[in-house]
């Protein structure tokens, strides 16, 4: 036991001697190094495009048909006068049974990691009790993230997601990384959407809504 203690003490003394030796050396010789600091701010920039639009829409005669559009539509800088720069294109002949699902691609075009979310909002709030309000309460919305997880509960309406606000979708860290997520809107087949004699119908209801994808610096 005494021998072990002696070994420990000798090691400590050796370390102390080493420190003293180095300290003495520093007193004799000195030098300096100047470090130049350069700071460049990162950039937060996203790209957004619609890569696919699949659904069932009504033709000019009101007949439902399944369609798929694989044309890539850049939504990063939307031109409001271009009718193709939209997420959905249900047309003016929307009837019960129509639906569309858009596949959207988000890209990190900068150097800053970010969280991203989607928000639905009305271009103009529908009047209370109007056909447009009933239409907003009839349209079903489904939001699916990049991992394939459905983020909206079954039966969620357009009115619900507008009231909910931003729906977080995930994060992107690496520059040039791309992820896809899906948005679906559907007007289900239902017997109570047409005029039943009460006047409470969605017929002739005109509704305009917008979709915003927001990126916020990840902290």
C-alpha atoms as a PDB file:
ATOM      1  CA  UNK A   1       0.000   0.000   0.000  1.00  0.00           C
ATOM      2  CA  UNK A   2       2.889   2.362   0.875  1.00  0.00           C
ATOM      3  CA  UNK A   3       4.599   1.488  -2.349  1.00  0.00           C
ATOM      4  CA  UNK A   4       1.514   2.464  -4.392  1.00  0.00           C
ATOM      5  CA  UNK A   5       1.324   5.782  -2.575  1.00  0.00           C
ATOM      6  CA  UNK A   6       4.961   6.467  -3.302  1.00  0.00           C
ATOM      7  CA  UNK A   7       4.426   5.849  -7.007  1.00  0.00           C
ATOM      8  CA  UNK A   8       1.514   8.252  -7.139  1.00  0.00           C
ATOM      9  CA  UNK A   9       3.476  10.962  -5.382  1.00  0.00           C
ATOM     10  CA  UNK A  10       6.421  10.568  -7.703  1.00  0.00           C
ATOM     11  CA  UNK A  11       4.173  10.915 -10.753  1.00  0.00           C
ATOM     12  CA  UNK A  12       2.615  14.084  -9.391  1.00  0.00           C
ATOM     13  CA  UNK A  13       6.043  15.540  -8.674  1.00  0.00           C
ATOM     14  CA  UNK A  14       7.153  14.681 -12.182  1.00  0.00           C
ATOM     15  CA  UNK A  15       4.158  16.475 -13.693  1.00  0.00           C
ATOM     16  CA  UNK A  16       4.736  19.503 -11.500  1.00  0.00           C
ATOM     17  CA  UNK A  17       8.364  19.618 -12.539  1.00  0.00           C
ATOM     18  CA  UNK A  18       7.310  19.476 -16.169  1.00  0.00           C
ATOM     19  CA  UNK A  19       4.921  22.373 -15.692  1.00  0.00           C
ATOM     20  CA  UNK A  20       7.586  24.441 -13.976  1.00  0.00           C
ATOM     21  CA  UNK A  21      10.025  23.711 -16.745  1.00  0.00           C
ATOM     22  CA  UNK A  22       7.591  24.807 -19.435  1.00  0.00           C
ATOM     23  CA  UNK A  23       6.630  27.920 -17.498  1.00  0.00           C
ATOM     24  CA  UNK A  24      10.242  28.888 -17.165  1.00  0.00           C
ATOM     25  CA  UNK A  25      10.747  28.386 -20.882  1.00  0.00           C
ATOM     26  CA  UNK A  26       7.840  30.684 -21.681  1.00  0.00           C
ATOM     27  CA  UNK A  27       9.449  33.378 -19.578  1.00  0.00           C
ATOM     28  CA  UNK A  28      12.601  33.119 -21.649  1.00  0.00           C
ATOM     29  CA  UNK A  29      11.097  32.817 -25.130  1.00  0.00           C
ATOM     30  CA  UNK A  30       7.877  34.473 -26.341  1.00  0.00           C
ATOM     31  CA  UNK A  31       5.969  34.672 -29.583  1.00  0.00           C
ATOM     32  CA  UNK A  32       2.530  35.780 -30.747  1.00  0.00           C
ATOM     33  CA  UNK A  33       0.059  34.721 -33.363  1.00  0.00           C
ATOM     34  CA  UNK A  34      -2.575  37.057 -34.812  1.00  0.00           C
ATOM     35  CA  UNK A  35      -5.768  35.366 -35.928  1.00  0.00           C
ATOM     36  CA  UNK A  36      -7.765  37.203 -38.572  1.00  0.00           C
ATOM     37  CA  UNK A  37     -11.510  36.673 -38.067  1.00  0.00           C
ATOM     38  CA  UNK A  38     -13.741  36.604 -41.138  1.00  0.00           C
ATOM     39  CA  UNK A  39     -17.470  36.294 -40.766  1.00  0.00           C
ATOM     40  CA  UNK A  40     -19.904  35.721 -43.614  1.00  0.00           C
ATOM     41  CA  UNK A  41     -23.616  35.589 -42.962  1.00  0.00           C
ATOM     42  CA  UNK A  42     -25.437  32.526 -44.225  1.00  0.00           C
ATOM     43  CA  UNK A  43     -28.384  32.676 -46.569  1.00  0.00           C
ATOM     44  CA  UNK A  44     -31.863  31.335 -46.022  1.00  0.00           C
ATOM     45  CA  UNK A  45     -33.446  30.666 -49.392  1.00  0.00           C
ATOM     46  CA  UNK A  46     -35.950  28.064 -50.488  1.00  0.00           C
ATOM     47  CA  UNK A  47     -37.197  26.777 -53.785  1.00  0.00           C
ATOM     48  CA  UNK A  48     -40.706  25.418 -54.239  1.00  0.00           C
ATOM     49  CA  UNK A  49     -42.132  23.517 -57.199  1.00  0.00           C
ATOM     50  CA  UNK A  50     -45.129  21.362 -57.998  1.00  0.00           C
ATOM     51  CA  UNK A  51     -43.856  18.129 -59.508  1.00  0.00           C
ATOM     52  CA  UNK A  52     -47.121  16.228 -59.921  1.00  0.00           C
ATOM     53  CA  UNK A  53     -50.853  16.886 -59.820  1.00  0.00           C
ATOM     54  CA  UNK A  54     -53.176  13.900 -59.729  1.00  0.00           C
ATOM     55  CA  UNK A  55     -56.901  13.894 -59.225  1.00  0.00           C
ATOM     56  CA  UNK A  56     -60.421  13.500 -60.443  1.00  0.00           C
ATOM     57  CA  UNK A  57     -61.940  16.579 -62.009  1.00  0.00           C
ATOM     58  CA  UNK A  58     -65.036  17.401 -64.020  1.00  0.00           C
ATOM     59  CA  UNK A  59     -64.852  18.172 -67.713  1.00  0.00           C
ATOM     60  CA  UNK A  60     -66.897  20.867 -69.478  1.00  0.00           C
ATOM     61  CA  UNK A  61     -69.929  18.577 -69.287  1.00  0.00           C
ATOM     62  CA  UNK A  62     -69.546  17.946 -65.580  1.00  0.00           C
ATOM     63  CA  UNK A  63     -68.375  14.358 -66.102  1.00  0.00           C
ATOM     64  CA  UNK A  64     -65.757  13.164 -63.636  1.00  0.00           C
ATOM     65  CA  UNK A  65     -62.459  11.885 -65.006  1.00  0.00           C
ATOM     66  CA  UNK A  66     -59.096  10.954 -63.501  1.00  0.00           C
ATOM     67  CA  UNK A  67     -56.122  13.020 -64.679  1.00  0.00           C
ATOM     68  CA  UNK A  68     -52.397  13.205 -63.921  1.00  0.00           C
ATOM     69  CA  UNK A  69     -50.199  16.180 -64.738  1.00  0.00           C
ATOM     70  CA  UNK A  70     -46.441  15.552 -64.508  1.00  0.00           C
ATOM     71  CA  UNK A  71     -45.350  18.982 -65.732  1.00  0.00           C
ATOM     72  CA  UNK A  72     -43.007  20.689 -63.285  1.00  0.00           C
ATOM     73  CA  UNK A  73     -44.366  24.059 -62.180  1.00  0.00           C
ATOM     74  CA  UNK A  74     -41.974  26.438 -60.413  1.00  0.00           C
ATOM     75  CA  UNK A  75     -43.830  28.103 -57.552  1.00  0.00           C
ATOM     76  CA  UNK A  76     -40.846  29.952 -56.079  1.00  0.00           C
ATOM     77  CA  UNK A  77     -41.700  33.197 -57.813  1.00  0.00           C
ATOM     78  CA  UNK A  78     -45.359  32.843 -58.591  1.00  0.00           C
ATOM     79  CA  UNK A  79     -46.686  35.017 -61.384  1.00  0.00           C
ATOM     80  CA  UNK A  80     -50.269  35.816 -60.473  1.00  0.00           C
ATOM     81  CA  UNK A  81     -51.202  36.356 -64.121  1.00  0.00           C
ATOM     82  CA  UNK A  82     -50.139  32.822 -65.054  1.00  0.00           C
ATOM     83  CA  UNK A  83     -53.000  30.363 -64.427  1.00  0.00           C
ATOM     84  CA  UNK A  84     -50.556  27.451 -64.381  1.00  0.00           C
ATOM     85  CA  UNK A  85     -48.707  28.726 -61.307  1.00  0.00           C
ATOM     86  CA  UNK A  86     -51.084  27.130 -58.831  1.00  0.00           C
ATOM     87  CA  UNK A  87     -51.032  24.222 -56.434  1.00  0.00           C
ATOM     88  CA  UNK A  88     -54.511  23.018 -57.402  1.00  0.00           C
ATOM     89  CA  UNK A  89     -56.522  23.435 -60.591  1.00  0.00           C
ATOM     90  CA  UNK A  90     -60.070  22.292 -59.924  1.00  0.00           C
ATOM     91  CA  UNK A  91     -61.516  24.543 -62.581  1.00  0.00           C
ATOM     92  CA  UNK A  92     -64.891  26.224 -62.684  1.00  0.00           C
ATOM     93  CA  UNK A  93     -66.870  22.971 -62.870  1.00  0.00           C
ATOM     94  CA  UNK A  94     -66.208  21.606 -59.408  1.00  0.00           C
ATOM     95  CA  UNK A  95     -68.827  19.072 -58.374  1.00  0.00           C
ATOM     96  CA  UNK A  96     -69.049  16.565 -55.513  1.00  0.00           C
ATOM     97  CA  UNK A  97     -66.567  13.775 -56.137  1.00  0.00           C
ATOM     98  CA  UNK A  98     -63.691  15.933 -57.386  1.00  0.00           C
ATOM     99  CA  UNK A  99     -60.306  15.782 -55.687  1.00  0.00           C
ATOM    100  CA  UNK A 100     -56.709  16.678 -56.390  1.00  0.00           C
ATOM    101  CA  UNK A 101     -53.421  15.818 -54.726  1.00  0.00           C
ATOM    102  CA  UNK A 102     -50.367  17.954 -55.428  1.00  0.00           C
ATOM    103  CA  UNK A 103     -46.814  16.744 -54.829  1.00  0.00           C
ATOM    104  CA  UNK A 104     -44.632  19.691 -53.869  1.00  0.00           C
ATOM    105  CA  UNK A 105     -40.837  19.789 -53.735  1.00  0.00           C
ATOM    106  CA  UNK A 106     -39.049  22.119 -51.340  1.00  0.00           C
ATOM    107  CA  UNK A 107     -35.322  22.774 -51.756  1.00  0.00           C
ATOM    108  CA  UNK A 108     -32.704  24.402 -49.554  1.00  0.00           C
ATOM    109  CA  UNK A 109     -31.068  26.846 -51.958  1.00  0.00           C
ATOM    110  CA  UNK A 110     -29.109  28.593 -49.235  1.00  0.00           C
ATOM    111  CA  UNK A 111     -26.705  27.636 -46.469  1.00  0.00           C
ATOM    112  CA  UNK A 112     -28.967  27.936 -43.413  1.00  0.00           C
ATOM    113  CA  UNK A 113     -30.935  25.035 -41.960  1.00  0.00           C
ATOM    114  CA  UNK A 114     -34.643  25.754 -41.625  1.00  0.00           C
ATOM    115  CA  UNK A 115     -37.982  24.448 -40.419  1.00  0.00           C
ATOM    116  CA  UNK A 116     -40.824  24.731 -42.895  1.00  0.00           C
ATOM    117  CA  UNK A 117     -44.595  24.846 -42.590  1.00  0.00           C
ATOM    118  CA  UNK A 118     -47.675  25.267 -44.760  1.00  0.00           C
ATOM    119  CA  UNK A 119     -50.539  27.673 -44.150  1.00  0.00           C
ATOM    120  CA  UNK A 120     -53.934  27.862 -45.829  1.00  0.00           C
ATOM    121  CA  UNK A 121     -55.855  31.145 -45.842  1.00  0.00           C
ATOM    122  CA  UNK A 122     -58.784  32.682 -47.659  1.00  0.00           C
ATOM    123  CA  UNK A 123     -58.102  35.327 -50.289  1.00  0.00           C
ATOM    124  CA  UNK A 124     -61.366  36.813 -49.045  1.00  0.00           C
ATOM    125  CA  UNK A 125     -63.203  35.451 -46.036  1.00  0.00           C
ATOM    126  CA  UNK A 126     -66.563  33.974 -47.080  1.00  0.00           C
ATOM    127  CA  UNK A 127     -69.648  35.663 -45.696  1.00  0.00           C
ATOM    128  CA  UNK A 128     -71.367  33.947 -42.802  1.00  0.00           C
ATOM    129  CA  UNK A 129     -74.139  31.629 -43.933  1.00  0.00           C
ATOM    130  CA  UNK A 130     -73.140  31.890 -47.585  1.00  0.00           C
ATOM    131  CA  UNK A 131     -72.698  29.070 -50.087  1.00  0.00           C
ATOM    132  CA  UNK A 132     -68.981  29.883 -50.070  1.00  0.00           C
ATOM    133  CA  UNK A 133     -68.789  29.320 -46.318  1.00  0.00           C
ATOM    134  CA  UNK A 134     -70.608  26.003 -46.647  1.00  0.00           C
ATOM    135  CA  UNK A 135     -68.183  25.057 -49.435  1.00  0.00           C
ATOM    136  CA  UNK A 136     -65.224  25.795 -47.152  1.00  0.00           C
ATOM    137  CA  UNK A 137     -66.830  23.576 -44.530  1.00  0.00           C
ATOM    138  CA  UNK A 138     -67.305  20.781 -47.084  1.00  0.00           C
ATOM    139  CA  UNK A 139     -63.896  20.700 -48.747  1.00  0.00           C
ATOM    140  CA  UNK A 140     -61.613  18.158 -47.078  1.00  0.00           C
ATOM    141  CA  UNK A 141     -57.878  18.822 -46.758  1.00  0.00           C
ATOM    142  CA  UNK A 142     -55.095  16.278 -46.217  1.00  0.00           C
ATOM    143  CA  UNK A 143     -51.494  17.286 -45.496  1.00  0.00           C
ATOM    144  CA  UNK A 144     -48.788  14.600 -45.740  1.00  0.00           C
ATOM    145  CA  UNK A 145     -45.172  15.297 -44.789  1.00  0.00           C
ATOM    146  CA  UNK A 146     -41.949  14.095 -46.441  1.00  0.00           C
ATOM    147  CA  UNK A 147     -41.937  10.912 -44.327  1.00  0.00           C
ATOM    148  CA  UNK A 148     -45.422   9.974 -45.517  1.00  0.00           C
ATOM    149  CA  UNK A 149     -47.091  10.853 -42.217  1.00  0.00           C
ATOM    150  CA  UNK A 150     -50.574  12.368 -42.495  1.00  0.00           C
ATOM    151  CA  UNK A 151     -50.620  15.500 -40.335  1.00  0.00           C
ATOM    152  CA  UNK A 152     -54.339  16.274 -40.537  1.00  0.00           C
ATOM    153  CA  UNK A 153     -57.081  14.326 -38.843  1.00  0.00           C
ATOM    154  CA  UNK A 154     -59.709  12.558 -40.897  1.00  0.00           C
ATOM    155  CA  UNK A 155     -62.522  14.926 -41.792  1.00  0.00           C
ATOM    156  CA  UNK A 156     -60.413  18.086 -41.574  1.00  0.00           C
ATOM    157  CA  UNK A 157     -61.991  20.789 -43.734  1.00  0.00           C
ATOM    158  CA  UNK A 158     -60.579  23.827 -45.469  1.00  0.00           C
ATOM    159  CA  UNK A 159     -62.259  25.983 -42.840  1.00  0.00           C
ATOM    160  CA  UNK A 160     -60.476  23.929 -40.157  1.00  0.00           C
ATOM    161  CA  UNK A 161     -56.967  24.325 -41.601  1.00  0.00           C
ATOM    162  CA  UNK A 162     -57.489  28.053 -42.170  1.00  0.00           C
ATOM    163  CA  UNK A 163     -58.437  28.410 -38.509  1.00  0.00           C
ATOM    164  CA  UNK A 164     -55.523  26.179 -37.442  1.00  0.00           C
ATOM    165  CA  UNK A 165     -52.832  28.323 -39.037  1.00  0.00           C
ATOM    166  CA  UNK A 166     -49.335  27.048 -39.851  1.00  0.00           C
ATOM    167  CA  UNK A 167     -48.895  23.262 -40.037  1.00  0.00           C
ATOM    168  CA  UNK A 168     -45.251  22.269 -39.366  1.00  0.00           C
ATOM    169  CA  UNK A 169     -43.893  19.914 -42.035  1.00  0.00           C
ATOM    170  CA  UNK A 170     -40.287  19.259 -40.992  1.00  0.00           C
ATOM    171  CA  UNK A 171     -36.747  20.554 -41.328  1.00  0.00           C
ATOM    172  CA  UNK A 172     -34.041  20.770 -43.988  1.00  0.00           C
ATOM    173  CA  UNK A 173     -30.420  21.141 -42.920  1.00  0.00           C
ATOM    174  CA  UNK A 174     -28.111  20.409 -45.845  1.00  0.00           C
ATOM    175  CA  UNK A 175     -27.651  22.903 -48.689  1.00  0.00           C
ATOM    176  CA  UNK A 176     -29.255  21.723 -51.956  1.00  0.00           C
ATOM    177  CA  UNK A 177     -31.290  19.088 -50.085  1.00  0.00           C
ATOM    178  CA  UNK A 178     -34.788  18.459 -51.446  1.00  0.00           C
ATOM    179  CA  UNK A 179     -37.894  16.964 -49.835  1.00  0.00           C
ATOM    180  CA  UNK A 180     -41.374  16.349 -51.160  1.00  0.00           C
ATOM    181  CA  UNK A 181     -44.685  16.644 -49.350  1.00  0.00           C
ATOM    182  CA  UNK A 182     -48.281  16.332 -50.506  1.00  0.00           C
ATOM    183  CA  UNK A 183     -51.408  18.433 -50.216  1.00  0.00           C
ATOM    184  CA  UNK A 184     -54.825  17.047 -51.098  1.00  0.00           C
ATOM    185  CA  UNK A 185     -58.193  18.730 -51.381  1.00  0.00           C
ATOM    186  CA  UNK A 186     -61.461  16.886 -51.944  1.00  0.00           C
ATOM    187  CA  UNK A 187     -65.127  17.668 -52.297  1.00  0.00           C
ATOM    188  CA  UNK A 188     -66.650  14.352 -51.243  1.00  0.00           C
ATOM    189  CA  UNK A 189     -69.768  12.839 -52.682  1.00  0.00           C
ATOM    190  CA  UNK A 190     -72.519  13.711 -50.245  1.00  0.00           C
ATOM    191  CA  UNK A 191     -76.281  13.922 -50.513  1.00  0.00           C
ATOM    192  CA  UNK A 192     -76.654  17.074 -48.447  1.00  0.00           C
ATOM    193  CA  UNK A 193     -74.581  19.437 -50.586  1.00  0.00           C
ATOM    194  CA  UNK A 194     -77.282  20.004 -53.171  1.00  0.00           C
ATOM    195  CA  UNK A 195     -80.471  21.945 -52.650  1.00  0.00           C
ATOM    196  CA  UNK A 196     -82.747  19.987 -50.341  1.00  0.00           C
ATOM    197  CA  UNK A 197     -85.415  22.627 -50.209  1.00  0.00           C
ATOM    198  CA  UNK A 198     -83.869  24.512 -47.318  1.00  0.00           C
ATOM    199  CA  UNK A 199     -81.712  26.681 -49.551  1.00  0.00           C
ATOM    200  CA  UNK A 200     -78.580  25.628 -47.689  1.00  0.00           C
ATOM    201  CA  UNK A 201     -76.487  24.397 -50.585  1.00  0.00           C
ATOM    202  CA  UNK A 202     -72.965  24.854 -51.890  1.00  0.00           C
ATOM    203  CA  UNK A 203     -74.187  25.318 -55.464  1.00  0.00           C
ATOM    204  CA  UNK A 204     -72.767  28.448 -57.104  1.00  0.00           C
ATOM    205  CA  UNK A 205     -70.475  28.931 -54.125  1.00  0.00           C
ATOM    206  CA  UNK A 206     -67.289  30.698 -55.258  1.00  0.00           C
ATOM    207  CA  UNK A 207     -64.263  30.327 -53.022  1.00  0.00           C
ATOM    208  CA  UNK A 208     -60.676  31.512 -53.404  1.00  0.00           C
ATOM    209  CA  UNK A 209     -57.929  30.423 -51.037  1.00  0.00           C
ATOM    210  CA  UNK A 210     -54.155  30.685 -50.962  1.00  0.00           C
ATOM    211  CA  UNK A 211     -51.354  28.462 -49.703  1.00  0.00           C
ATOM    212  CA  UNK A 212     -48.108  29.731 -48.219  1.00  0.00           C
ATOM    213  CA  UNK A 213     -45.002  27.645 -47.483  1.00  0.00           C
ATOM    214  CA  UNK A 214     -42.846  29.375 -44.884  1.00  0.00           C
ATOM    215  CA  UNK A 215     -39.214  28.640 -43.960  1.00  0.00           C
ATOM    216  CA  UNK A 216     -37.839  29.728 -40.584  1.00  0.00           C
ATOM    217  CA  UNK A 217     -34.236  29.437 -39.430  1.00  0.00           C
ATOM    218  CA  UNK A 218     -33.744  26.286 -37.398  1.00  0.00           C
ATOM    219  CA  UNK A 219     -32.482  26.953 -33.869  1.00  0.00           C
END
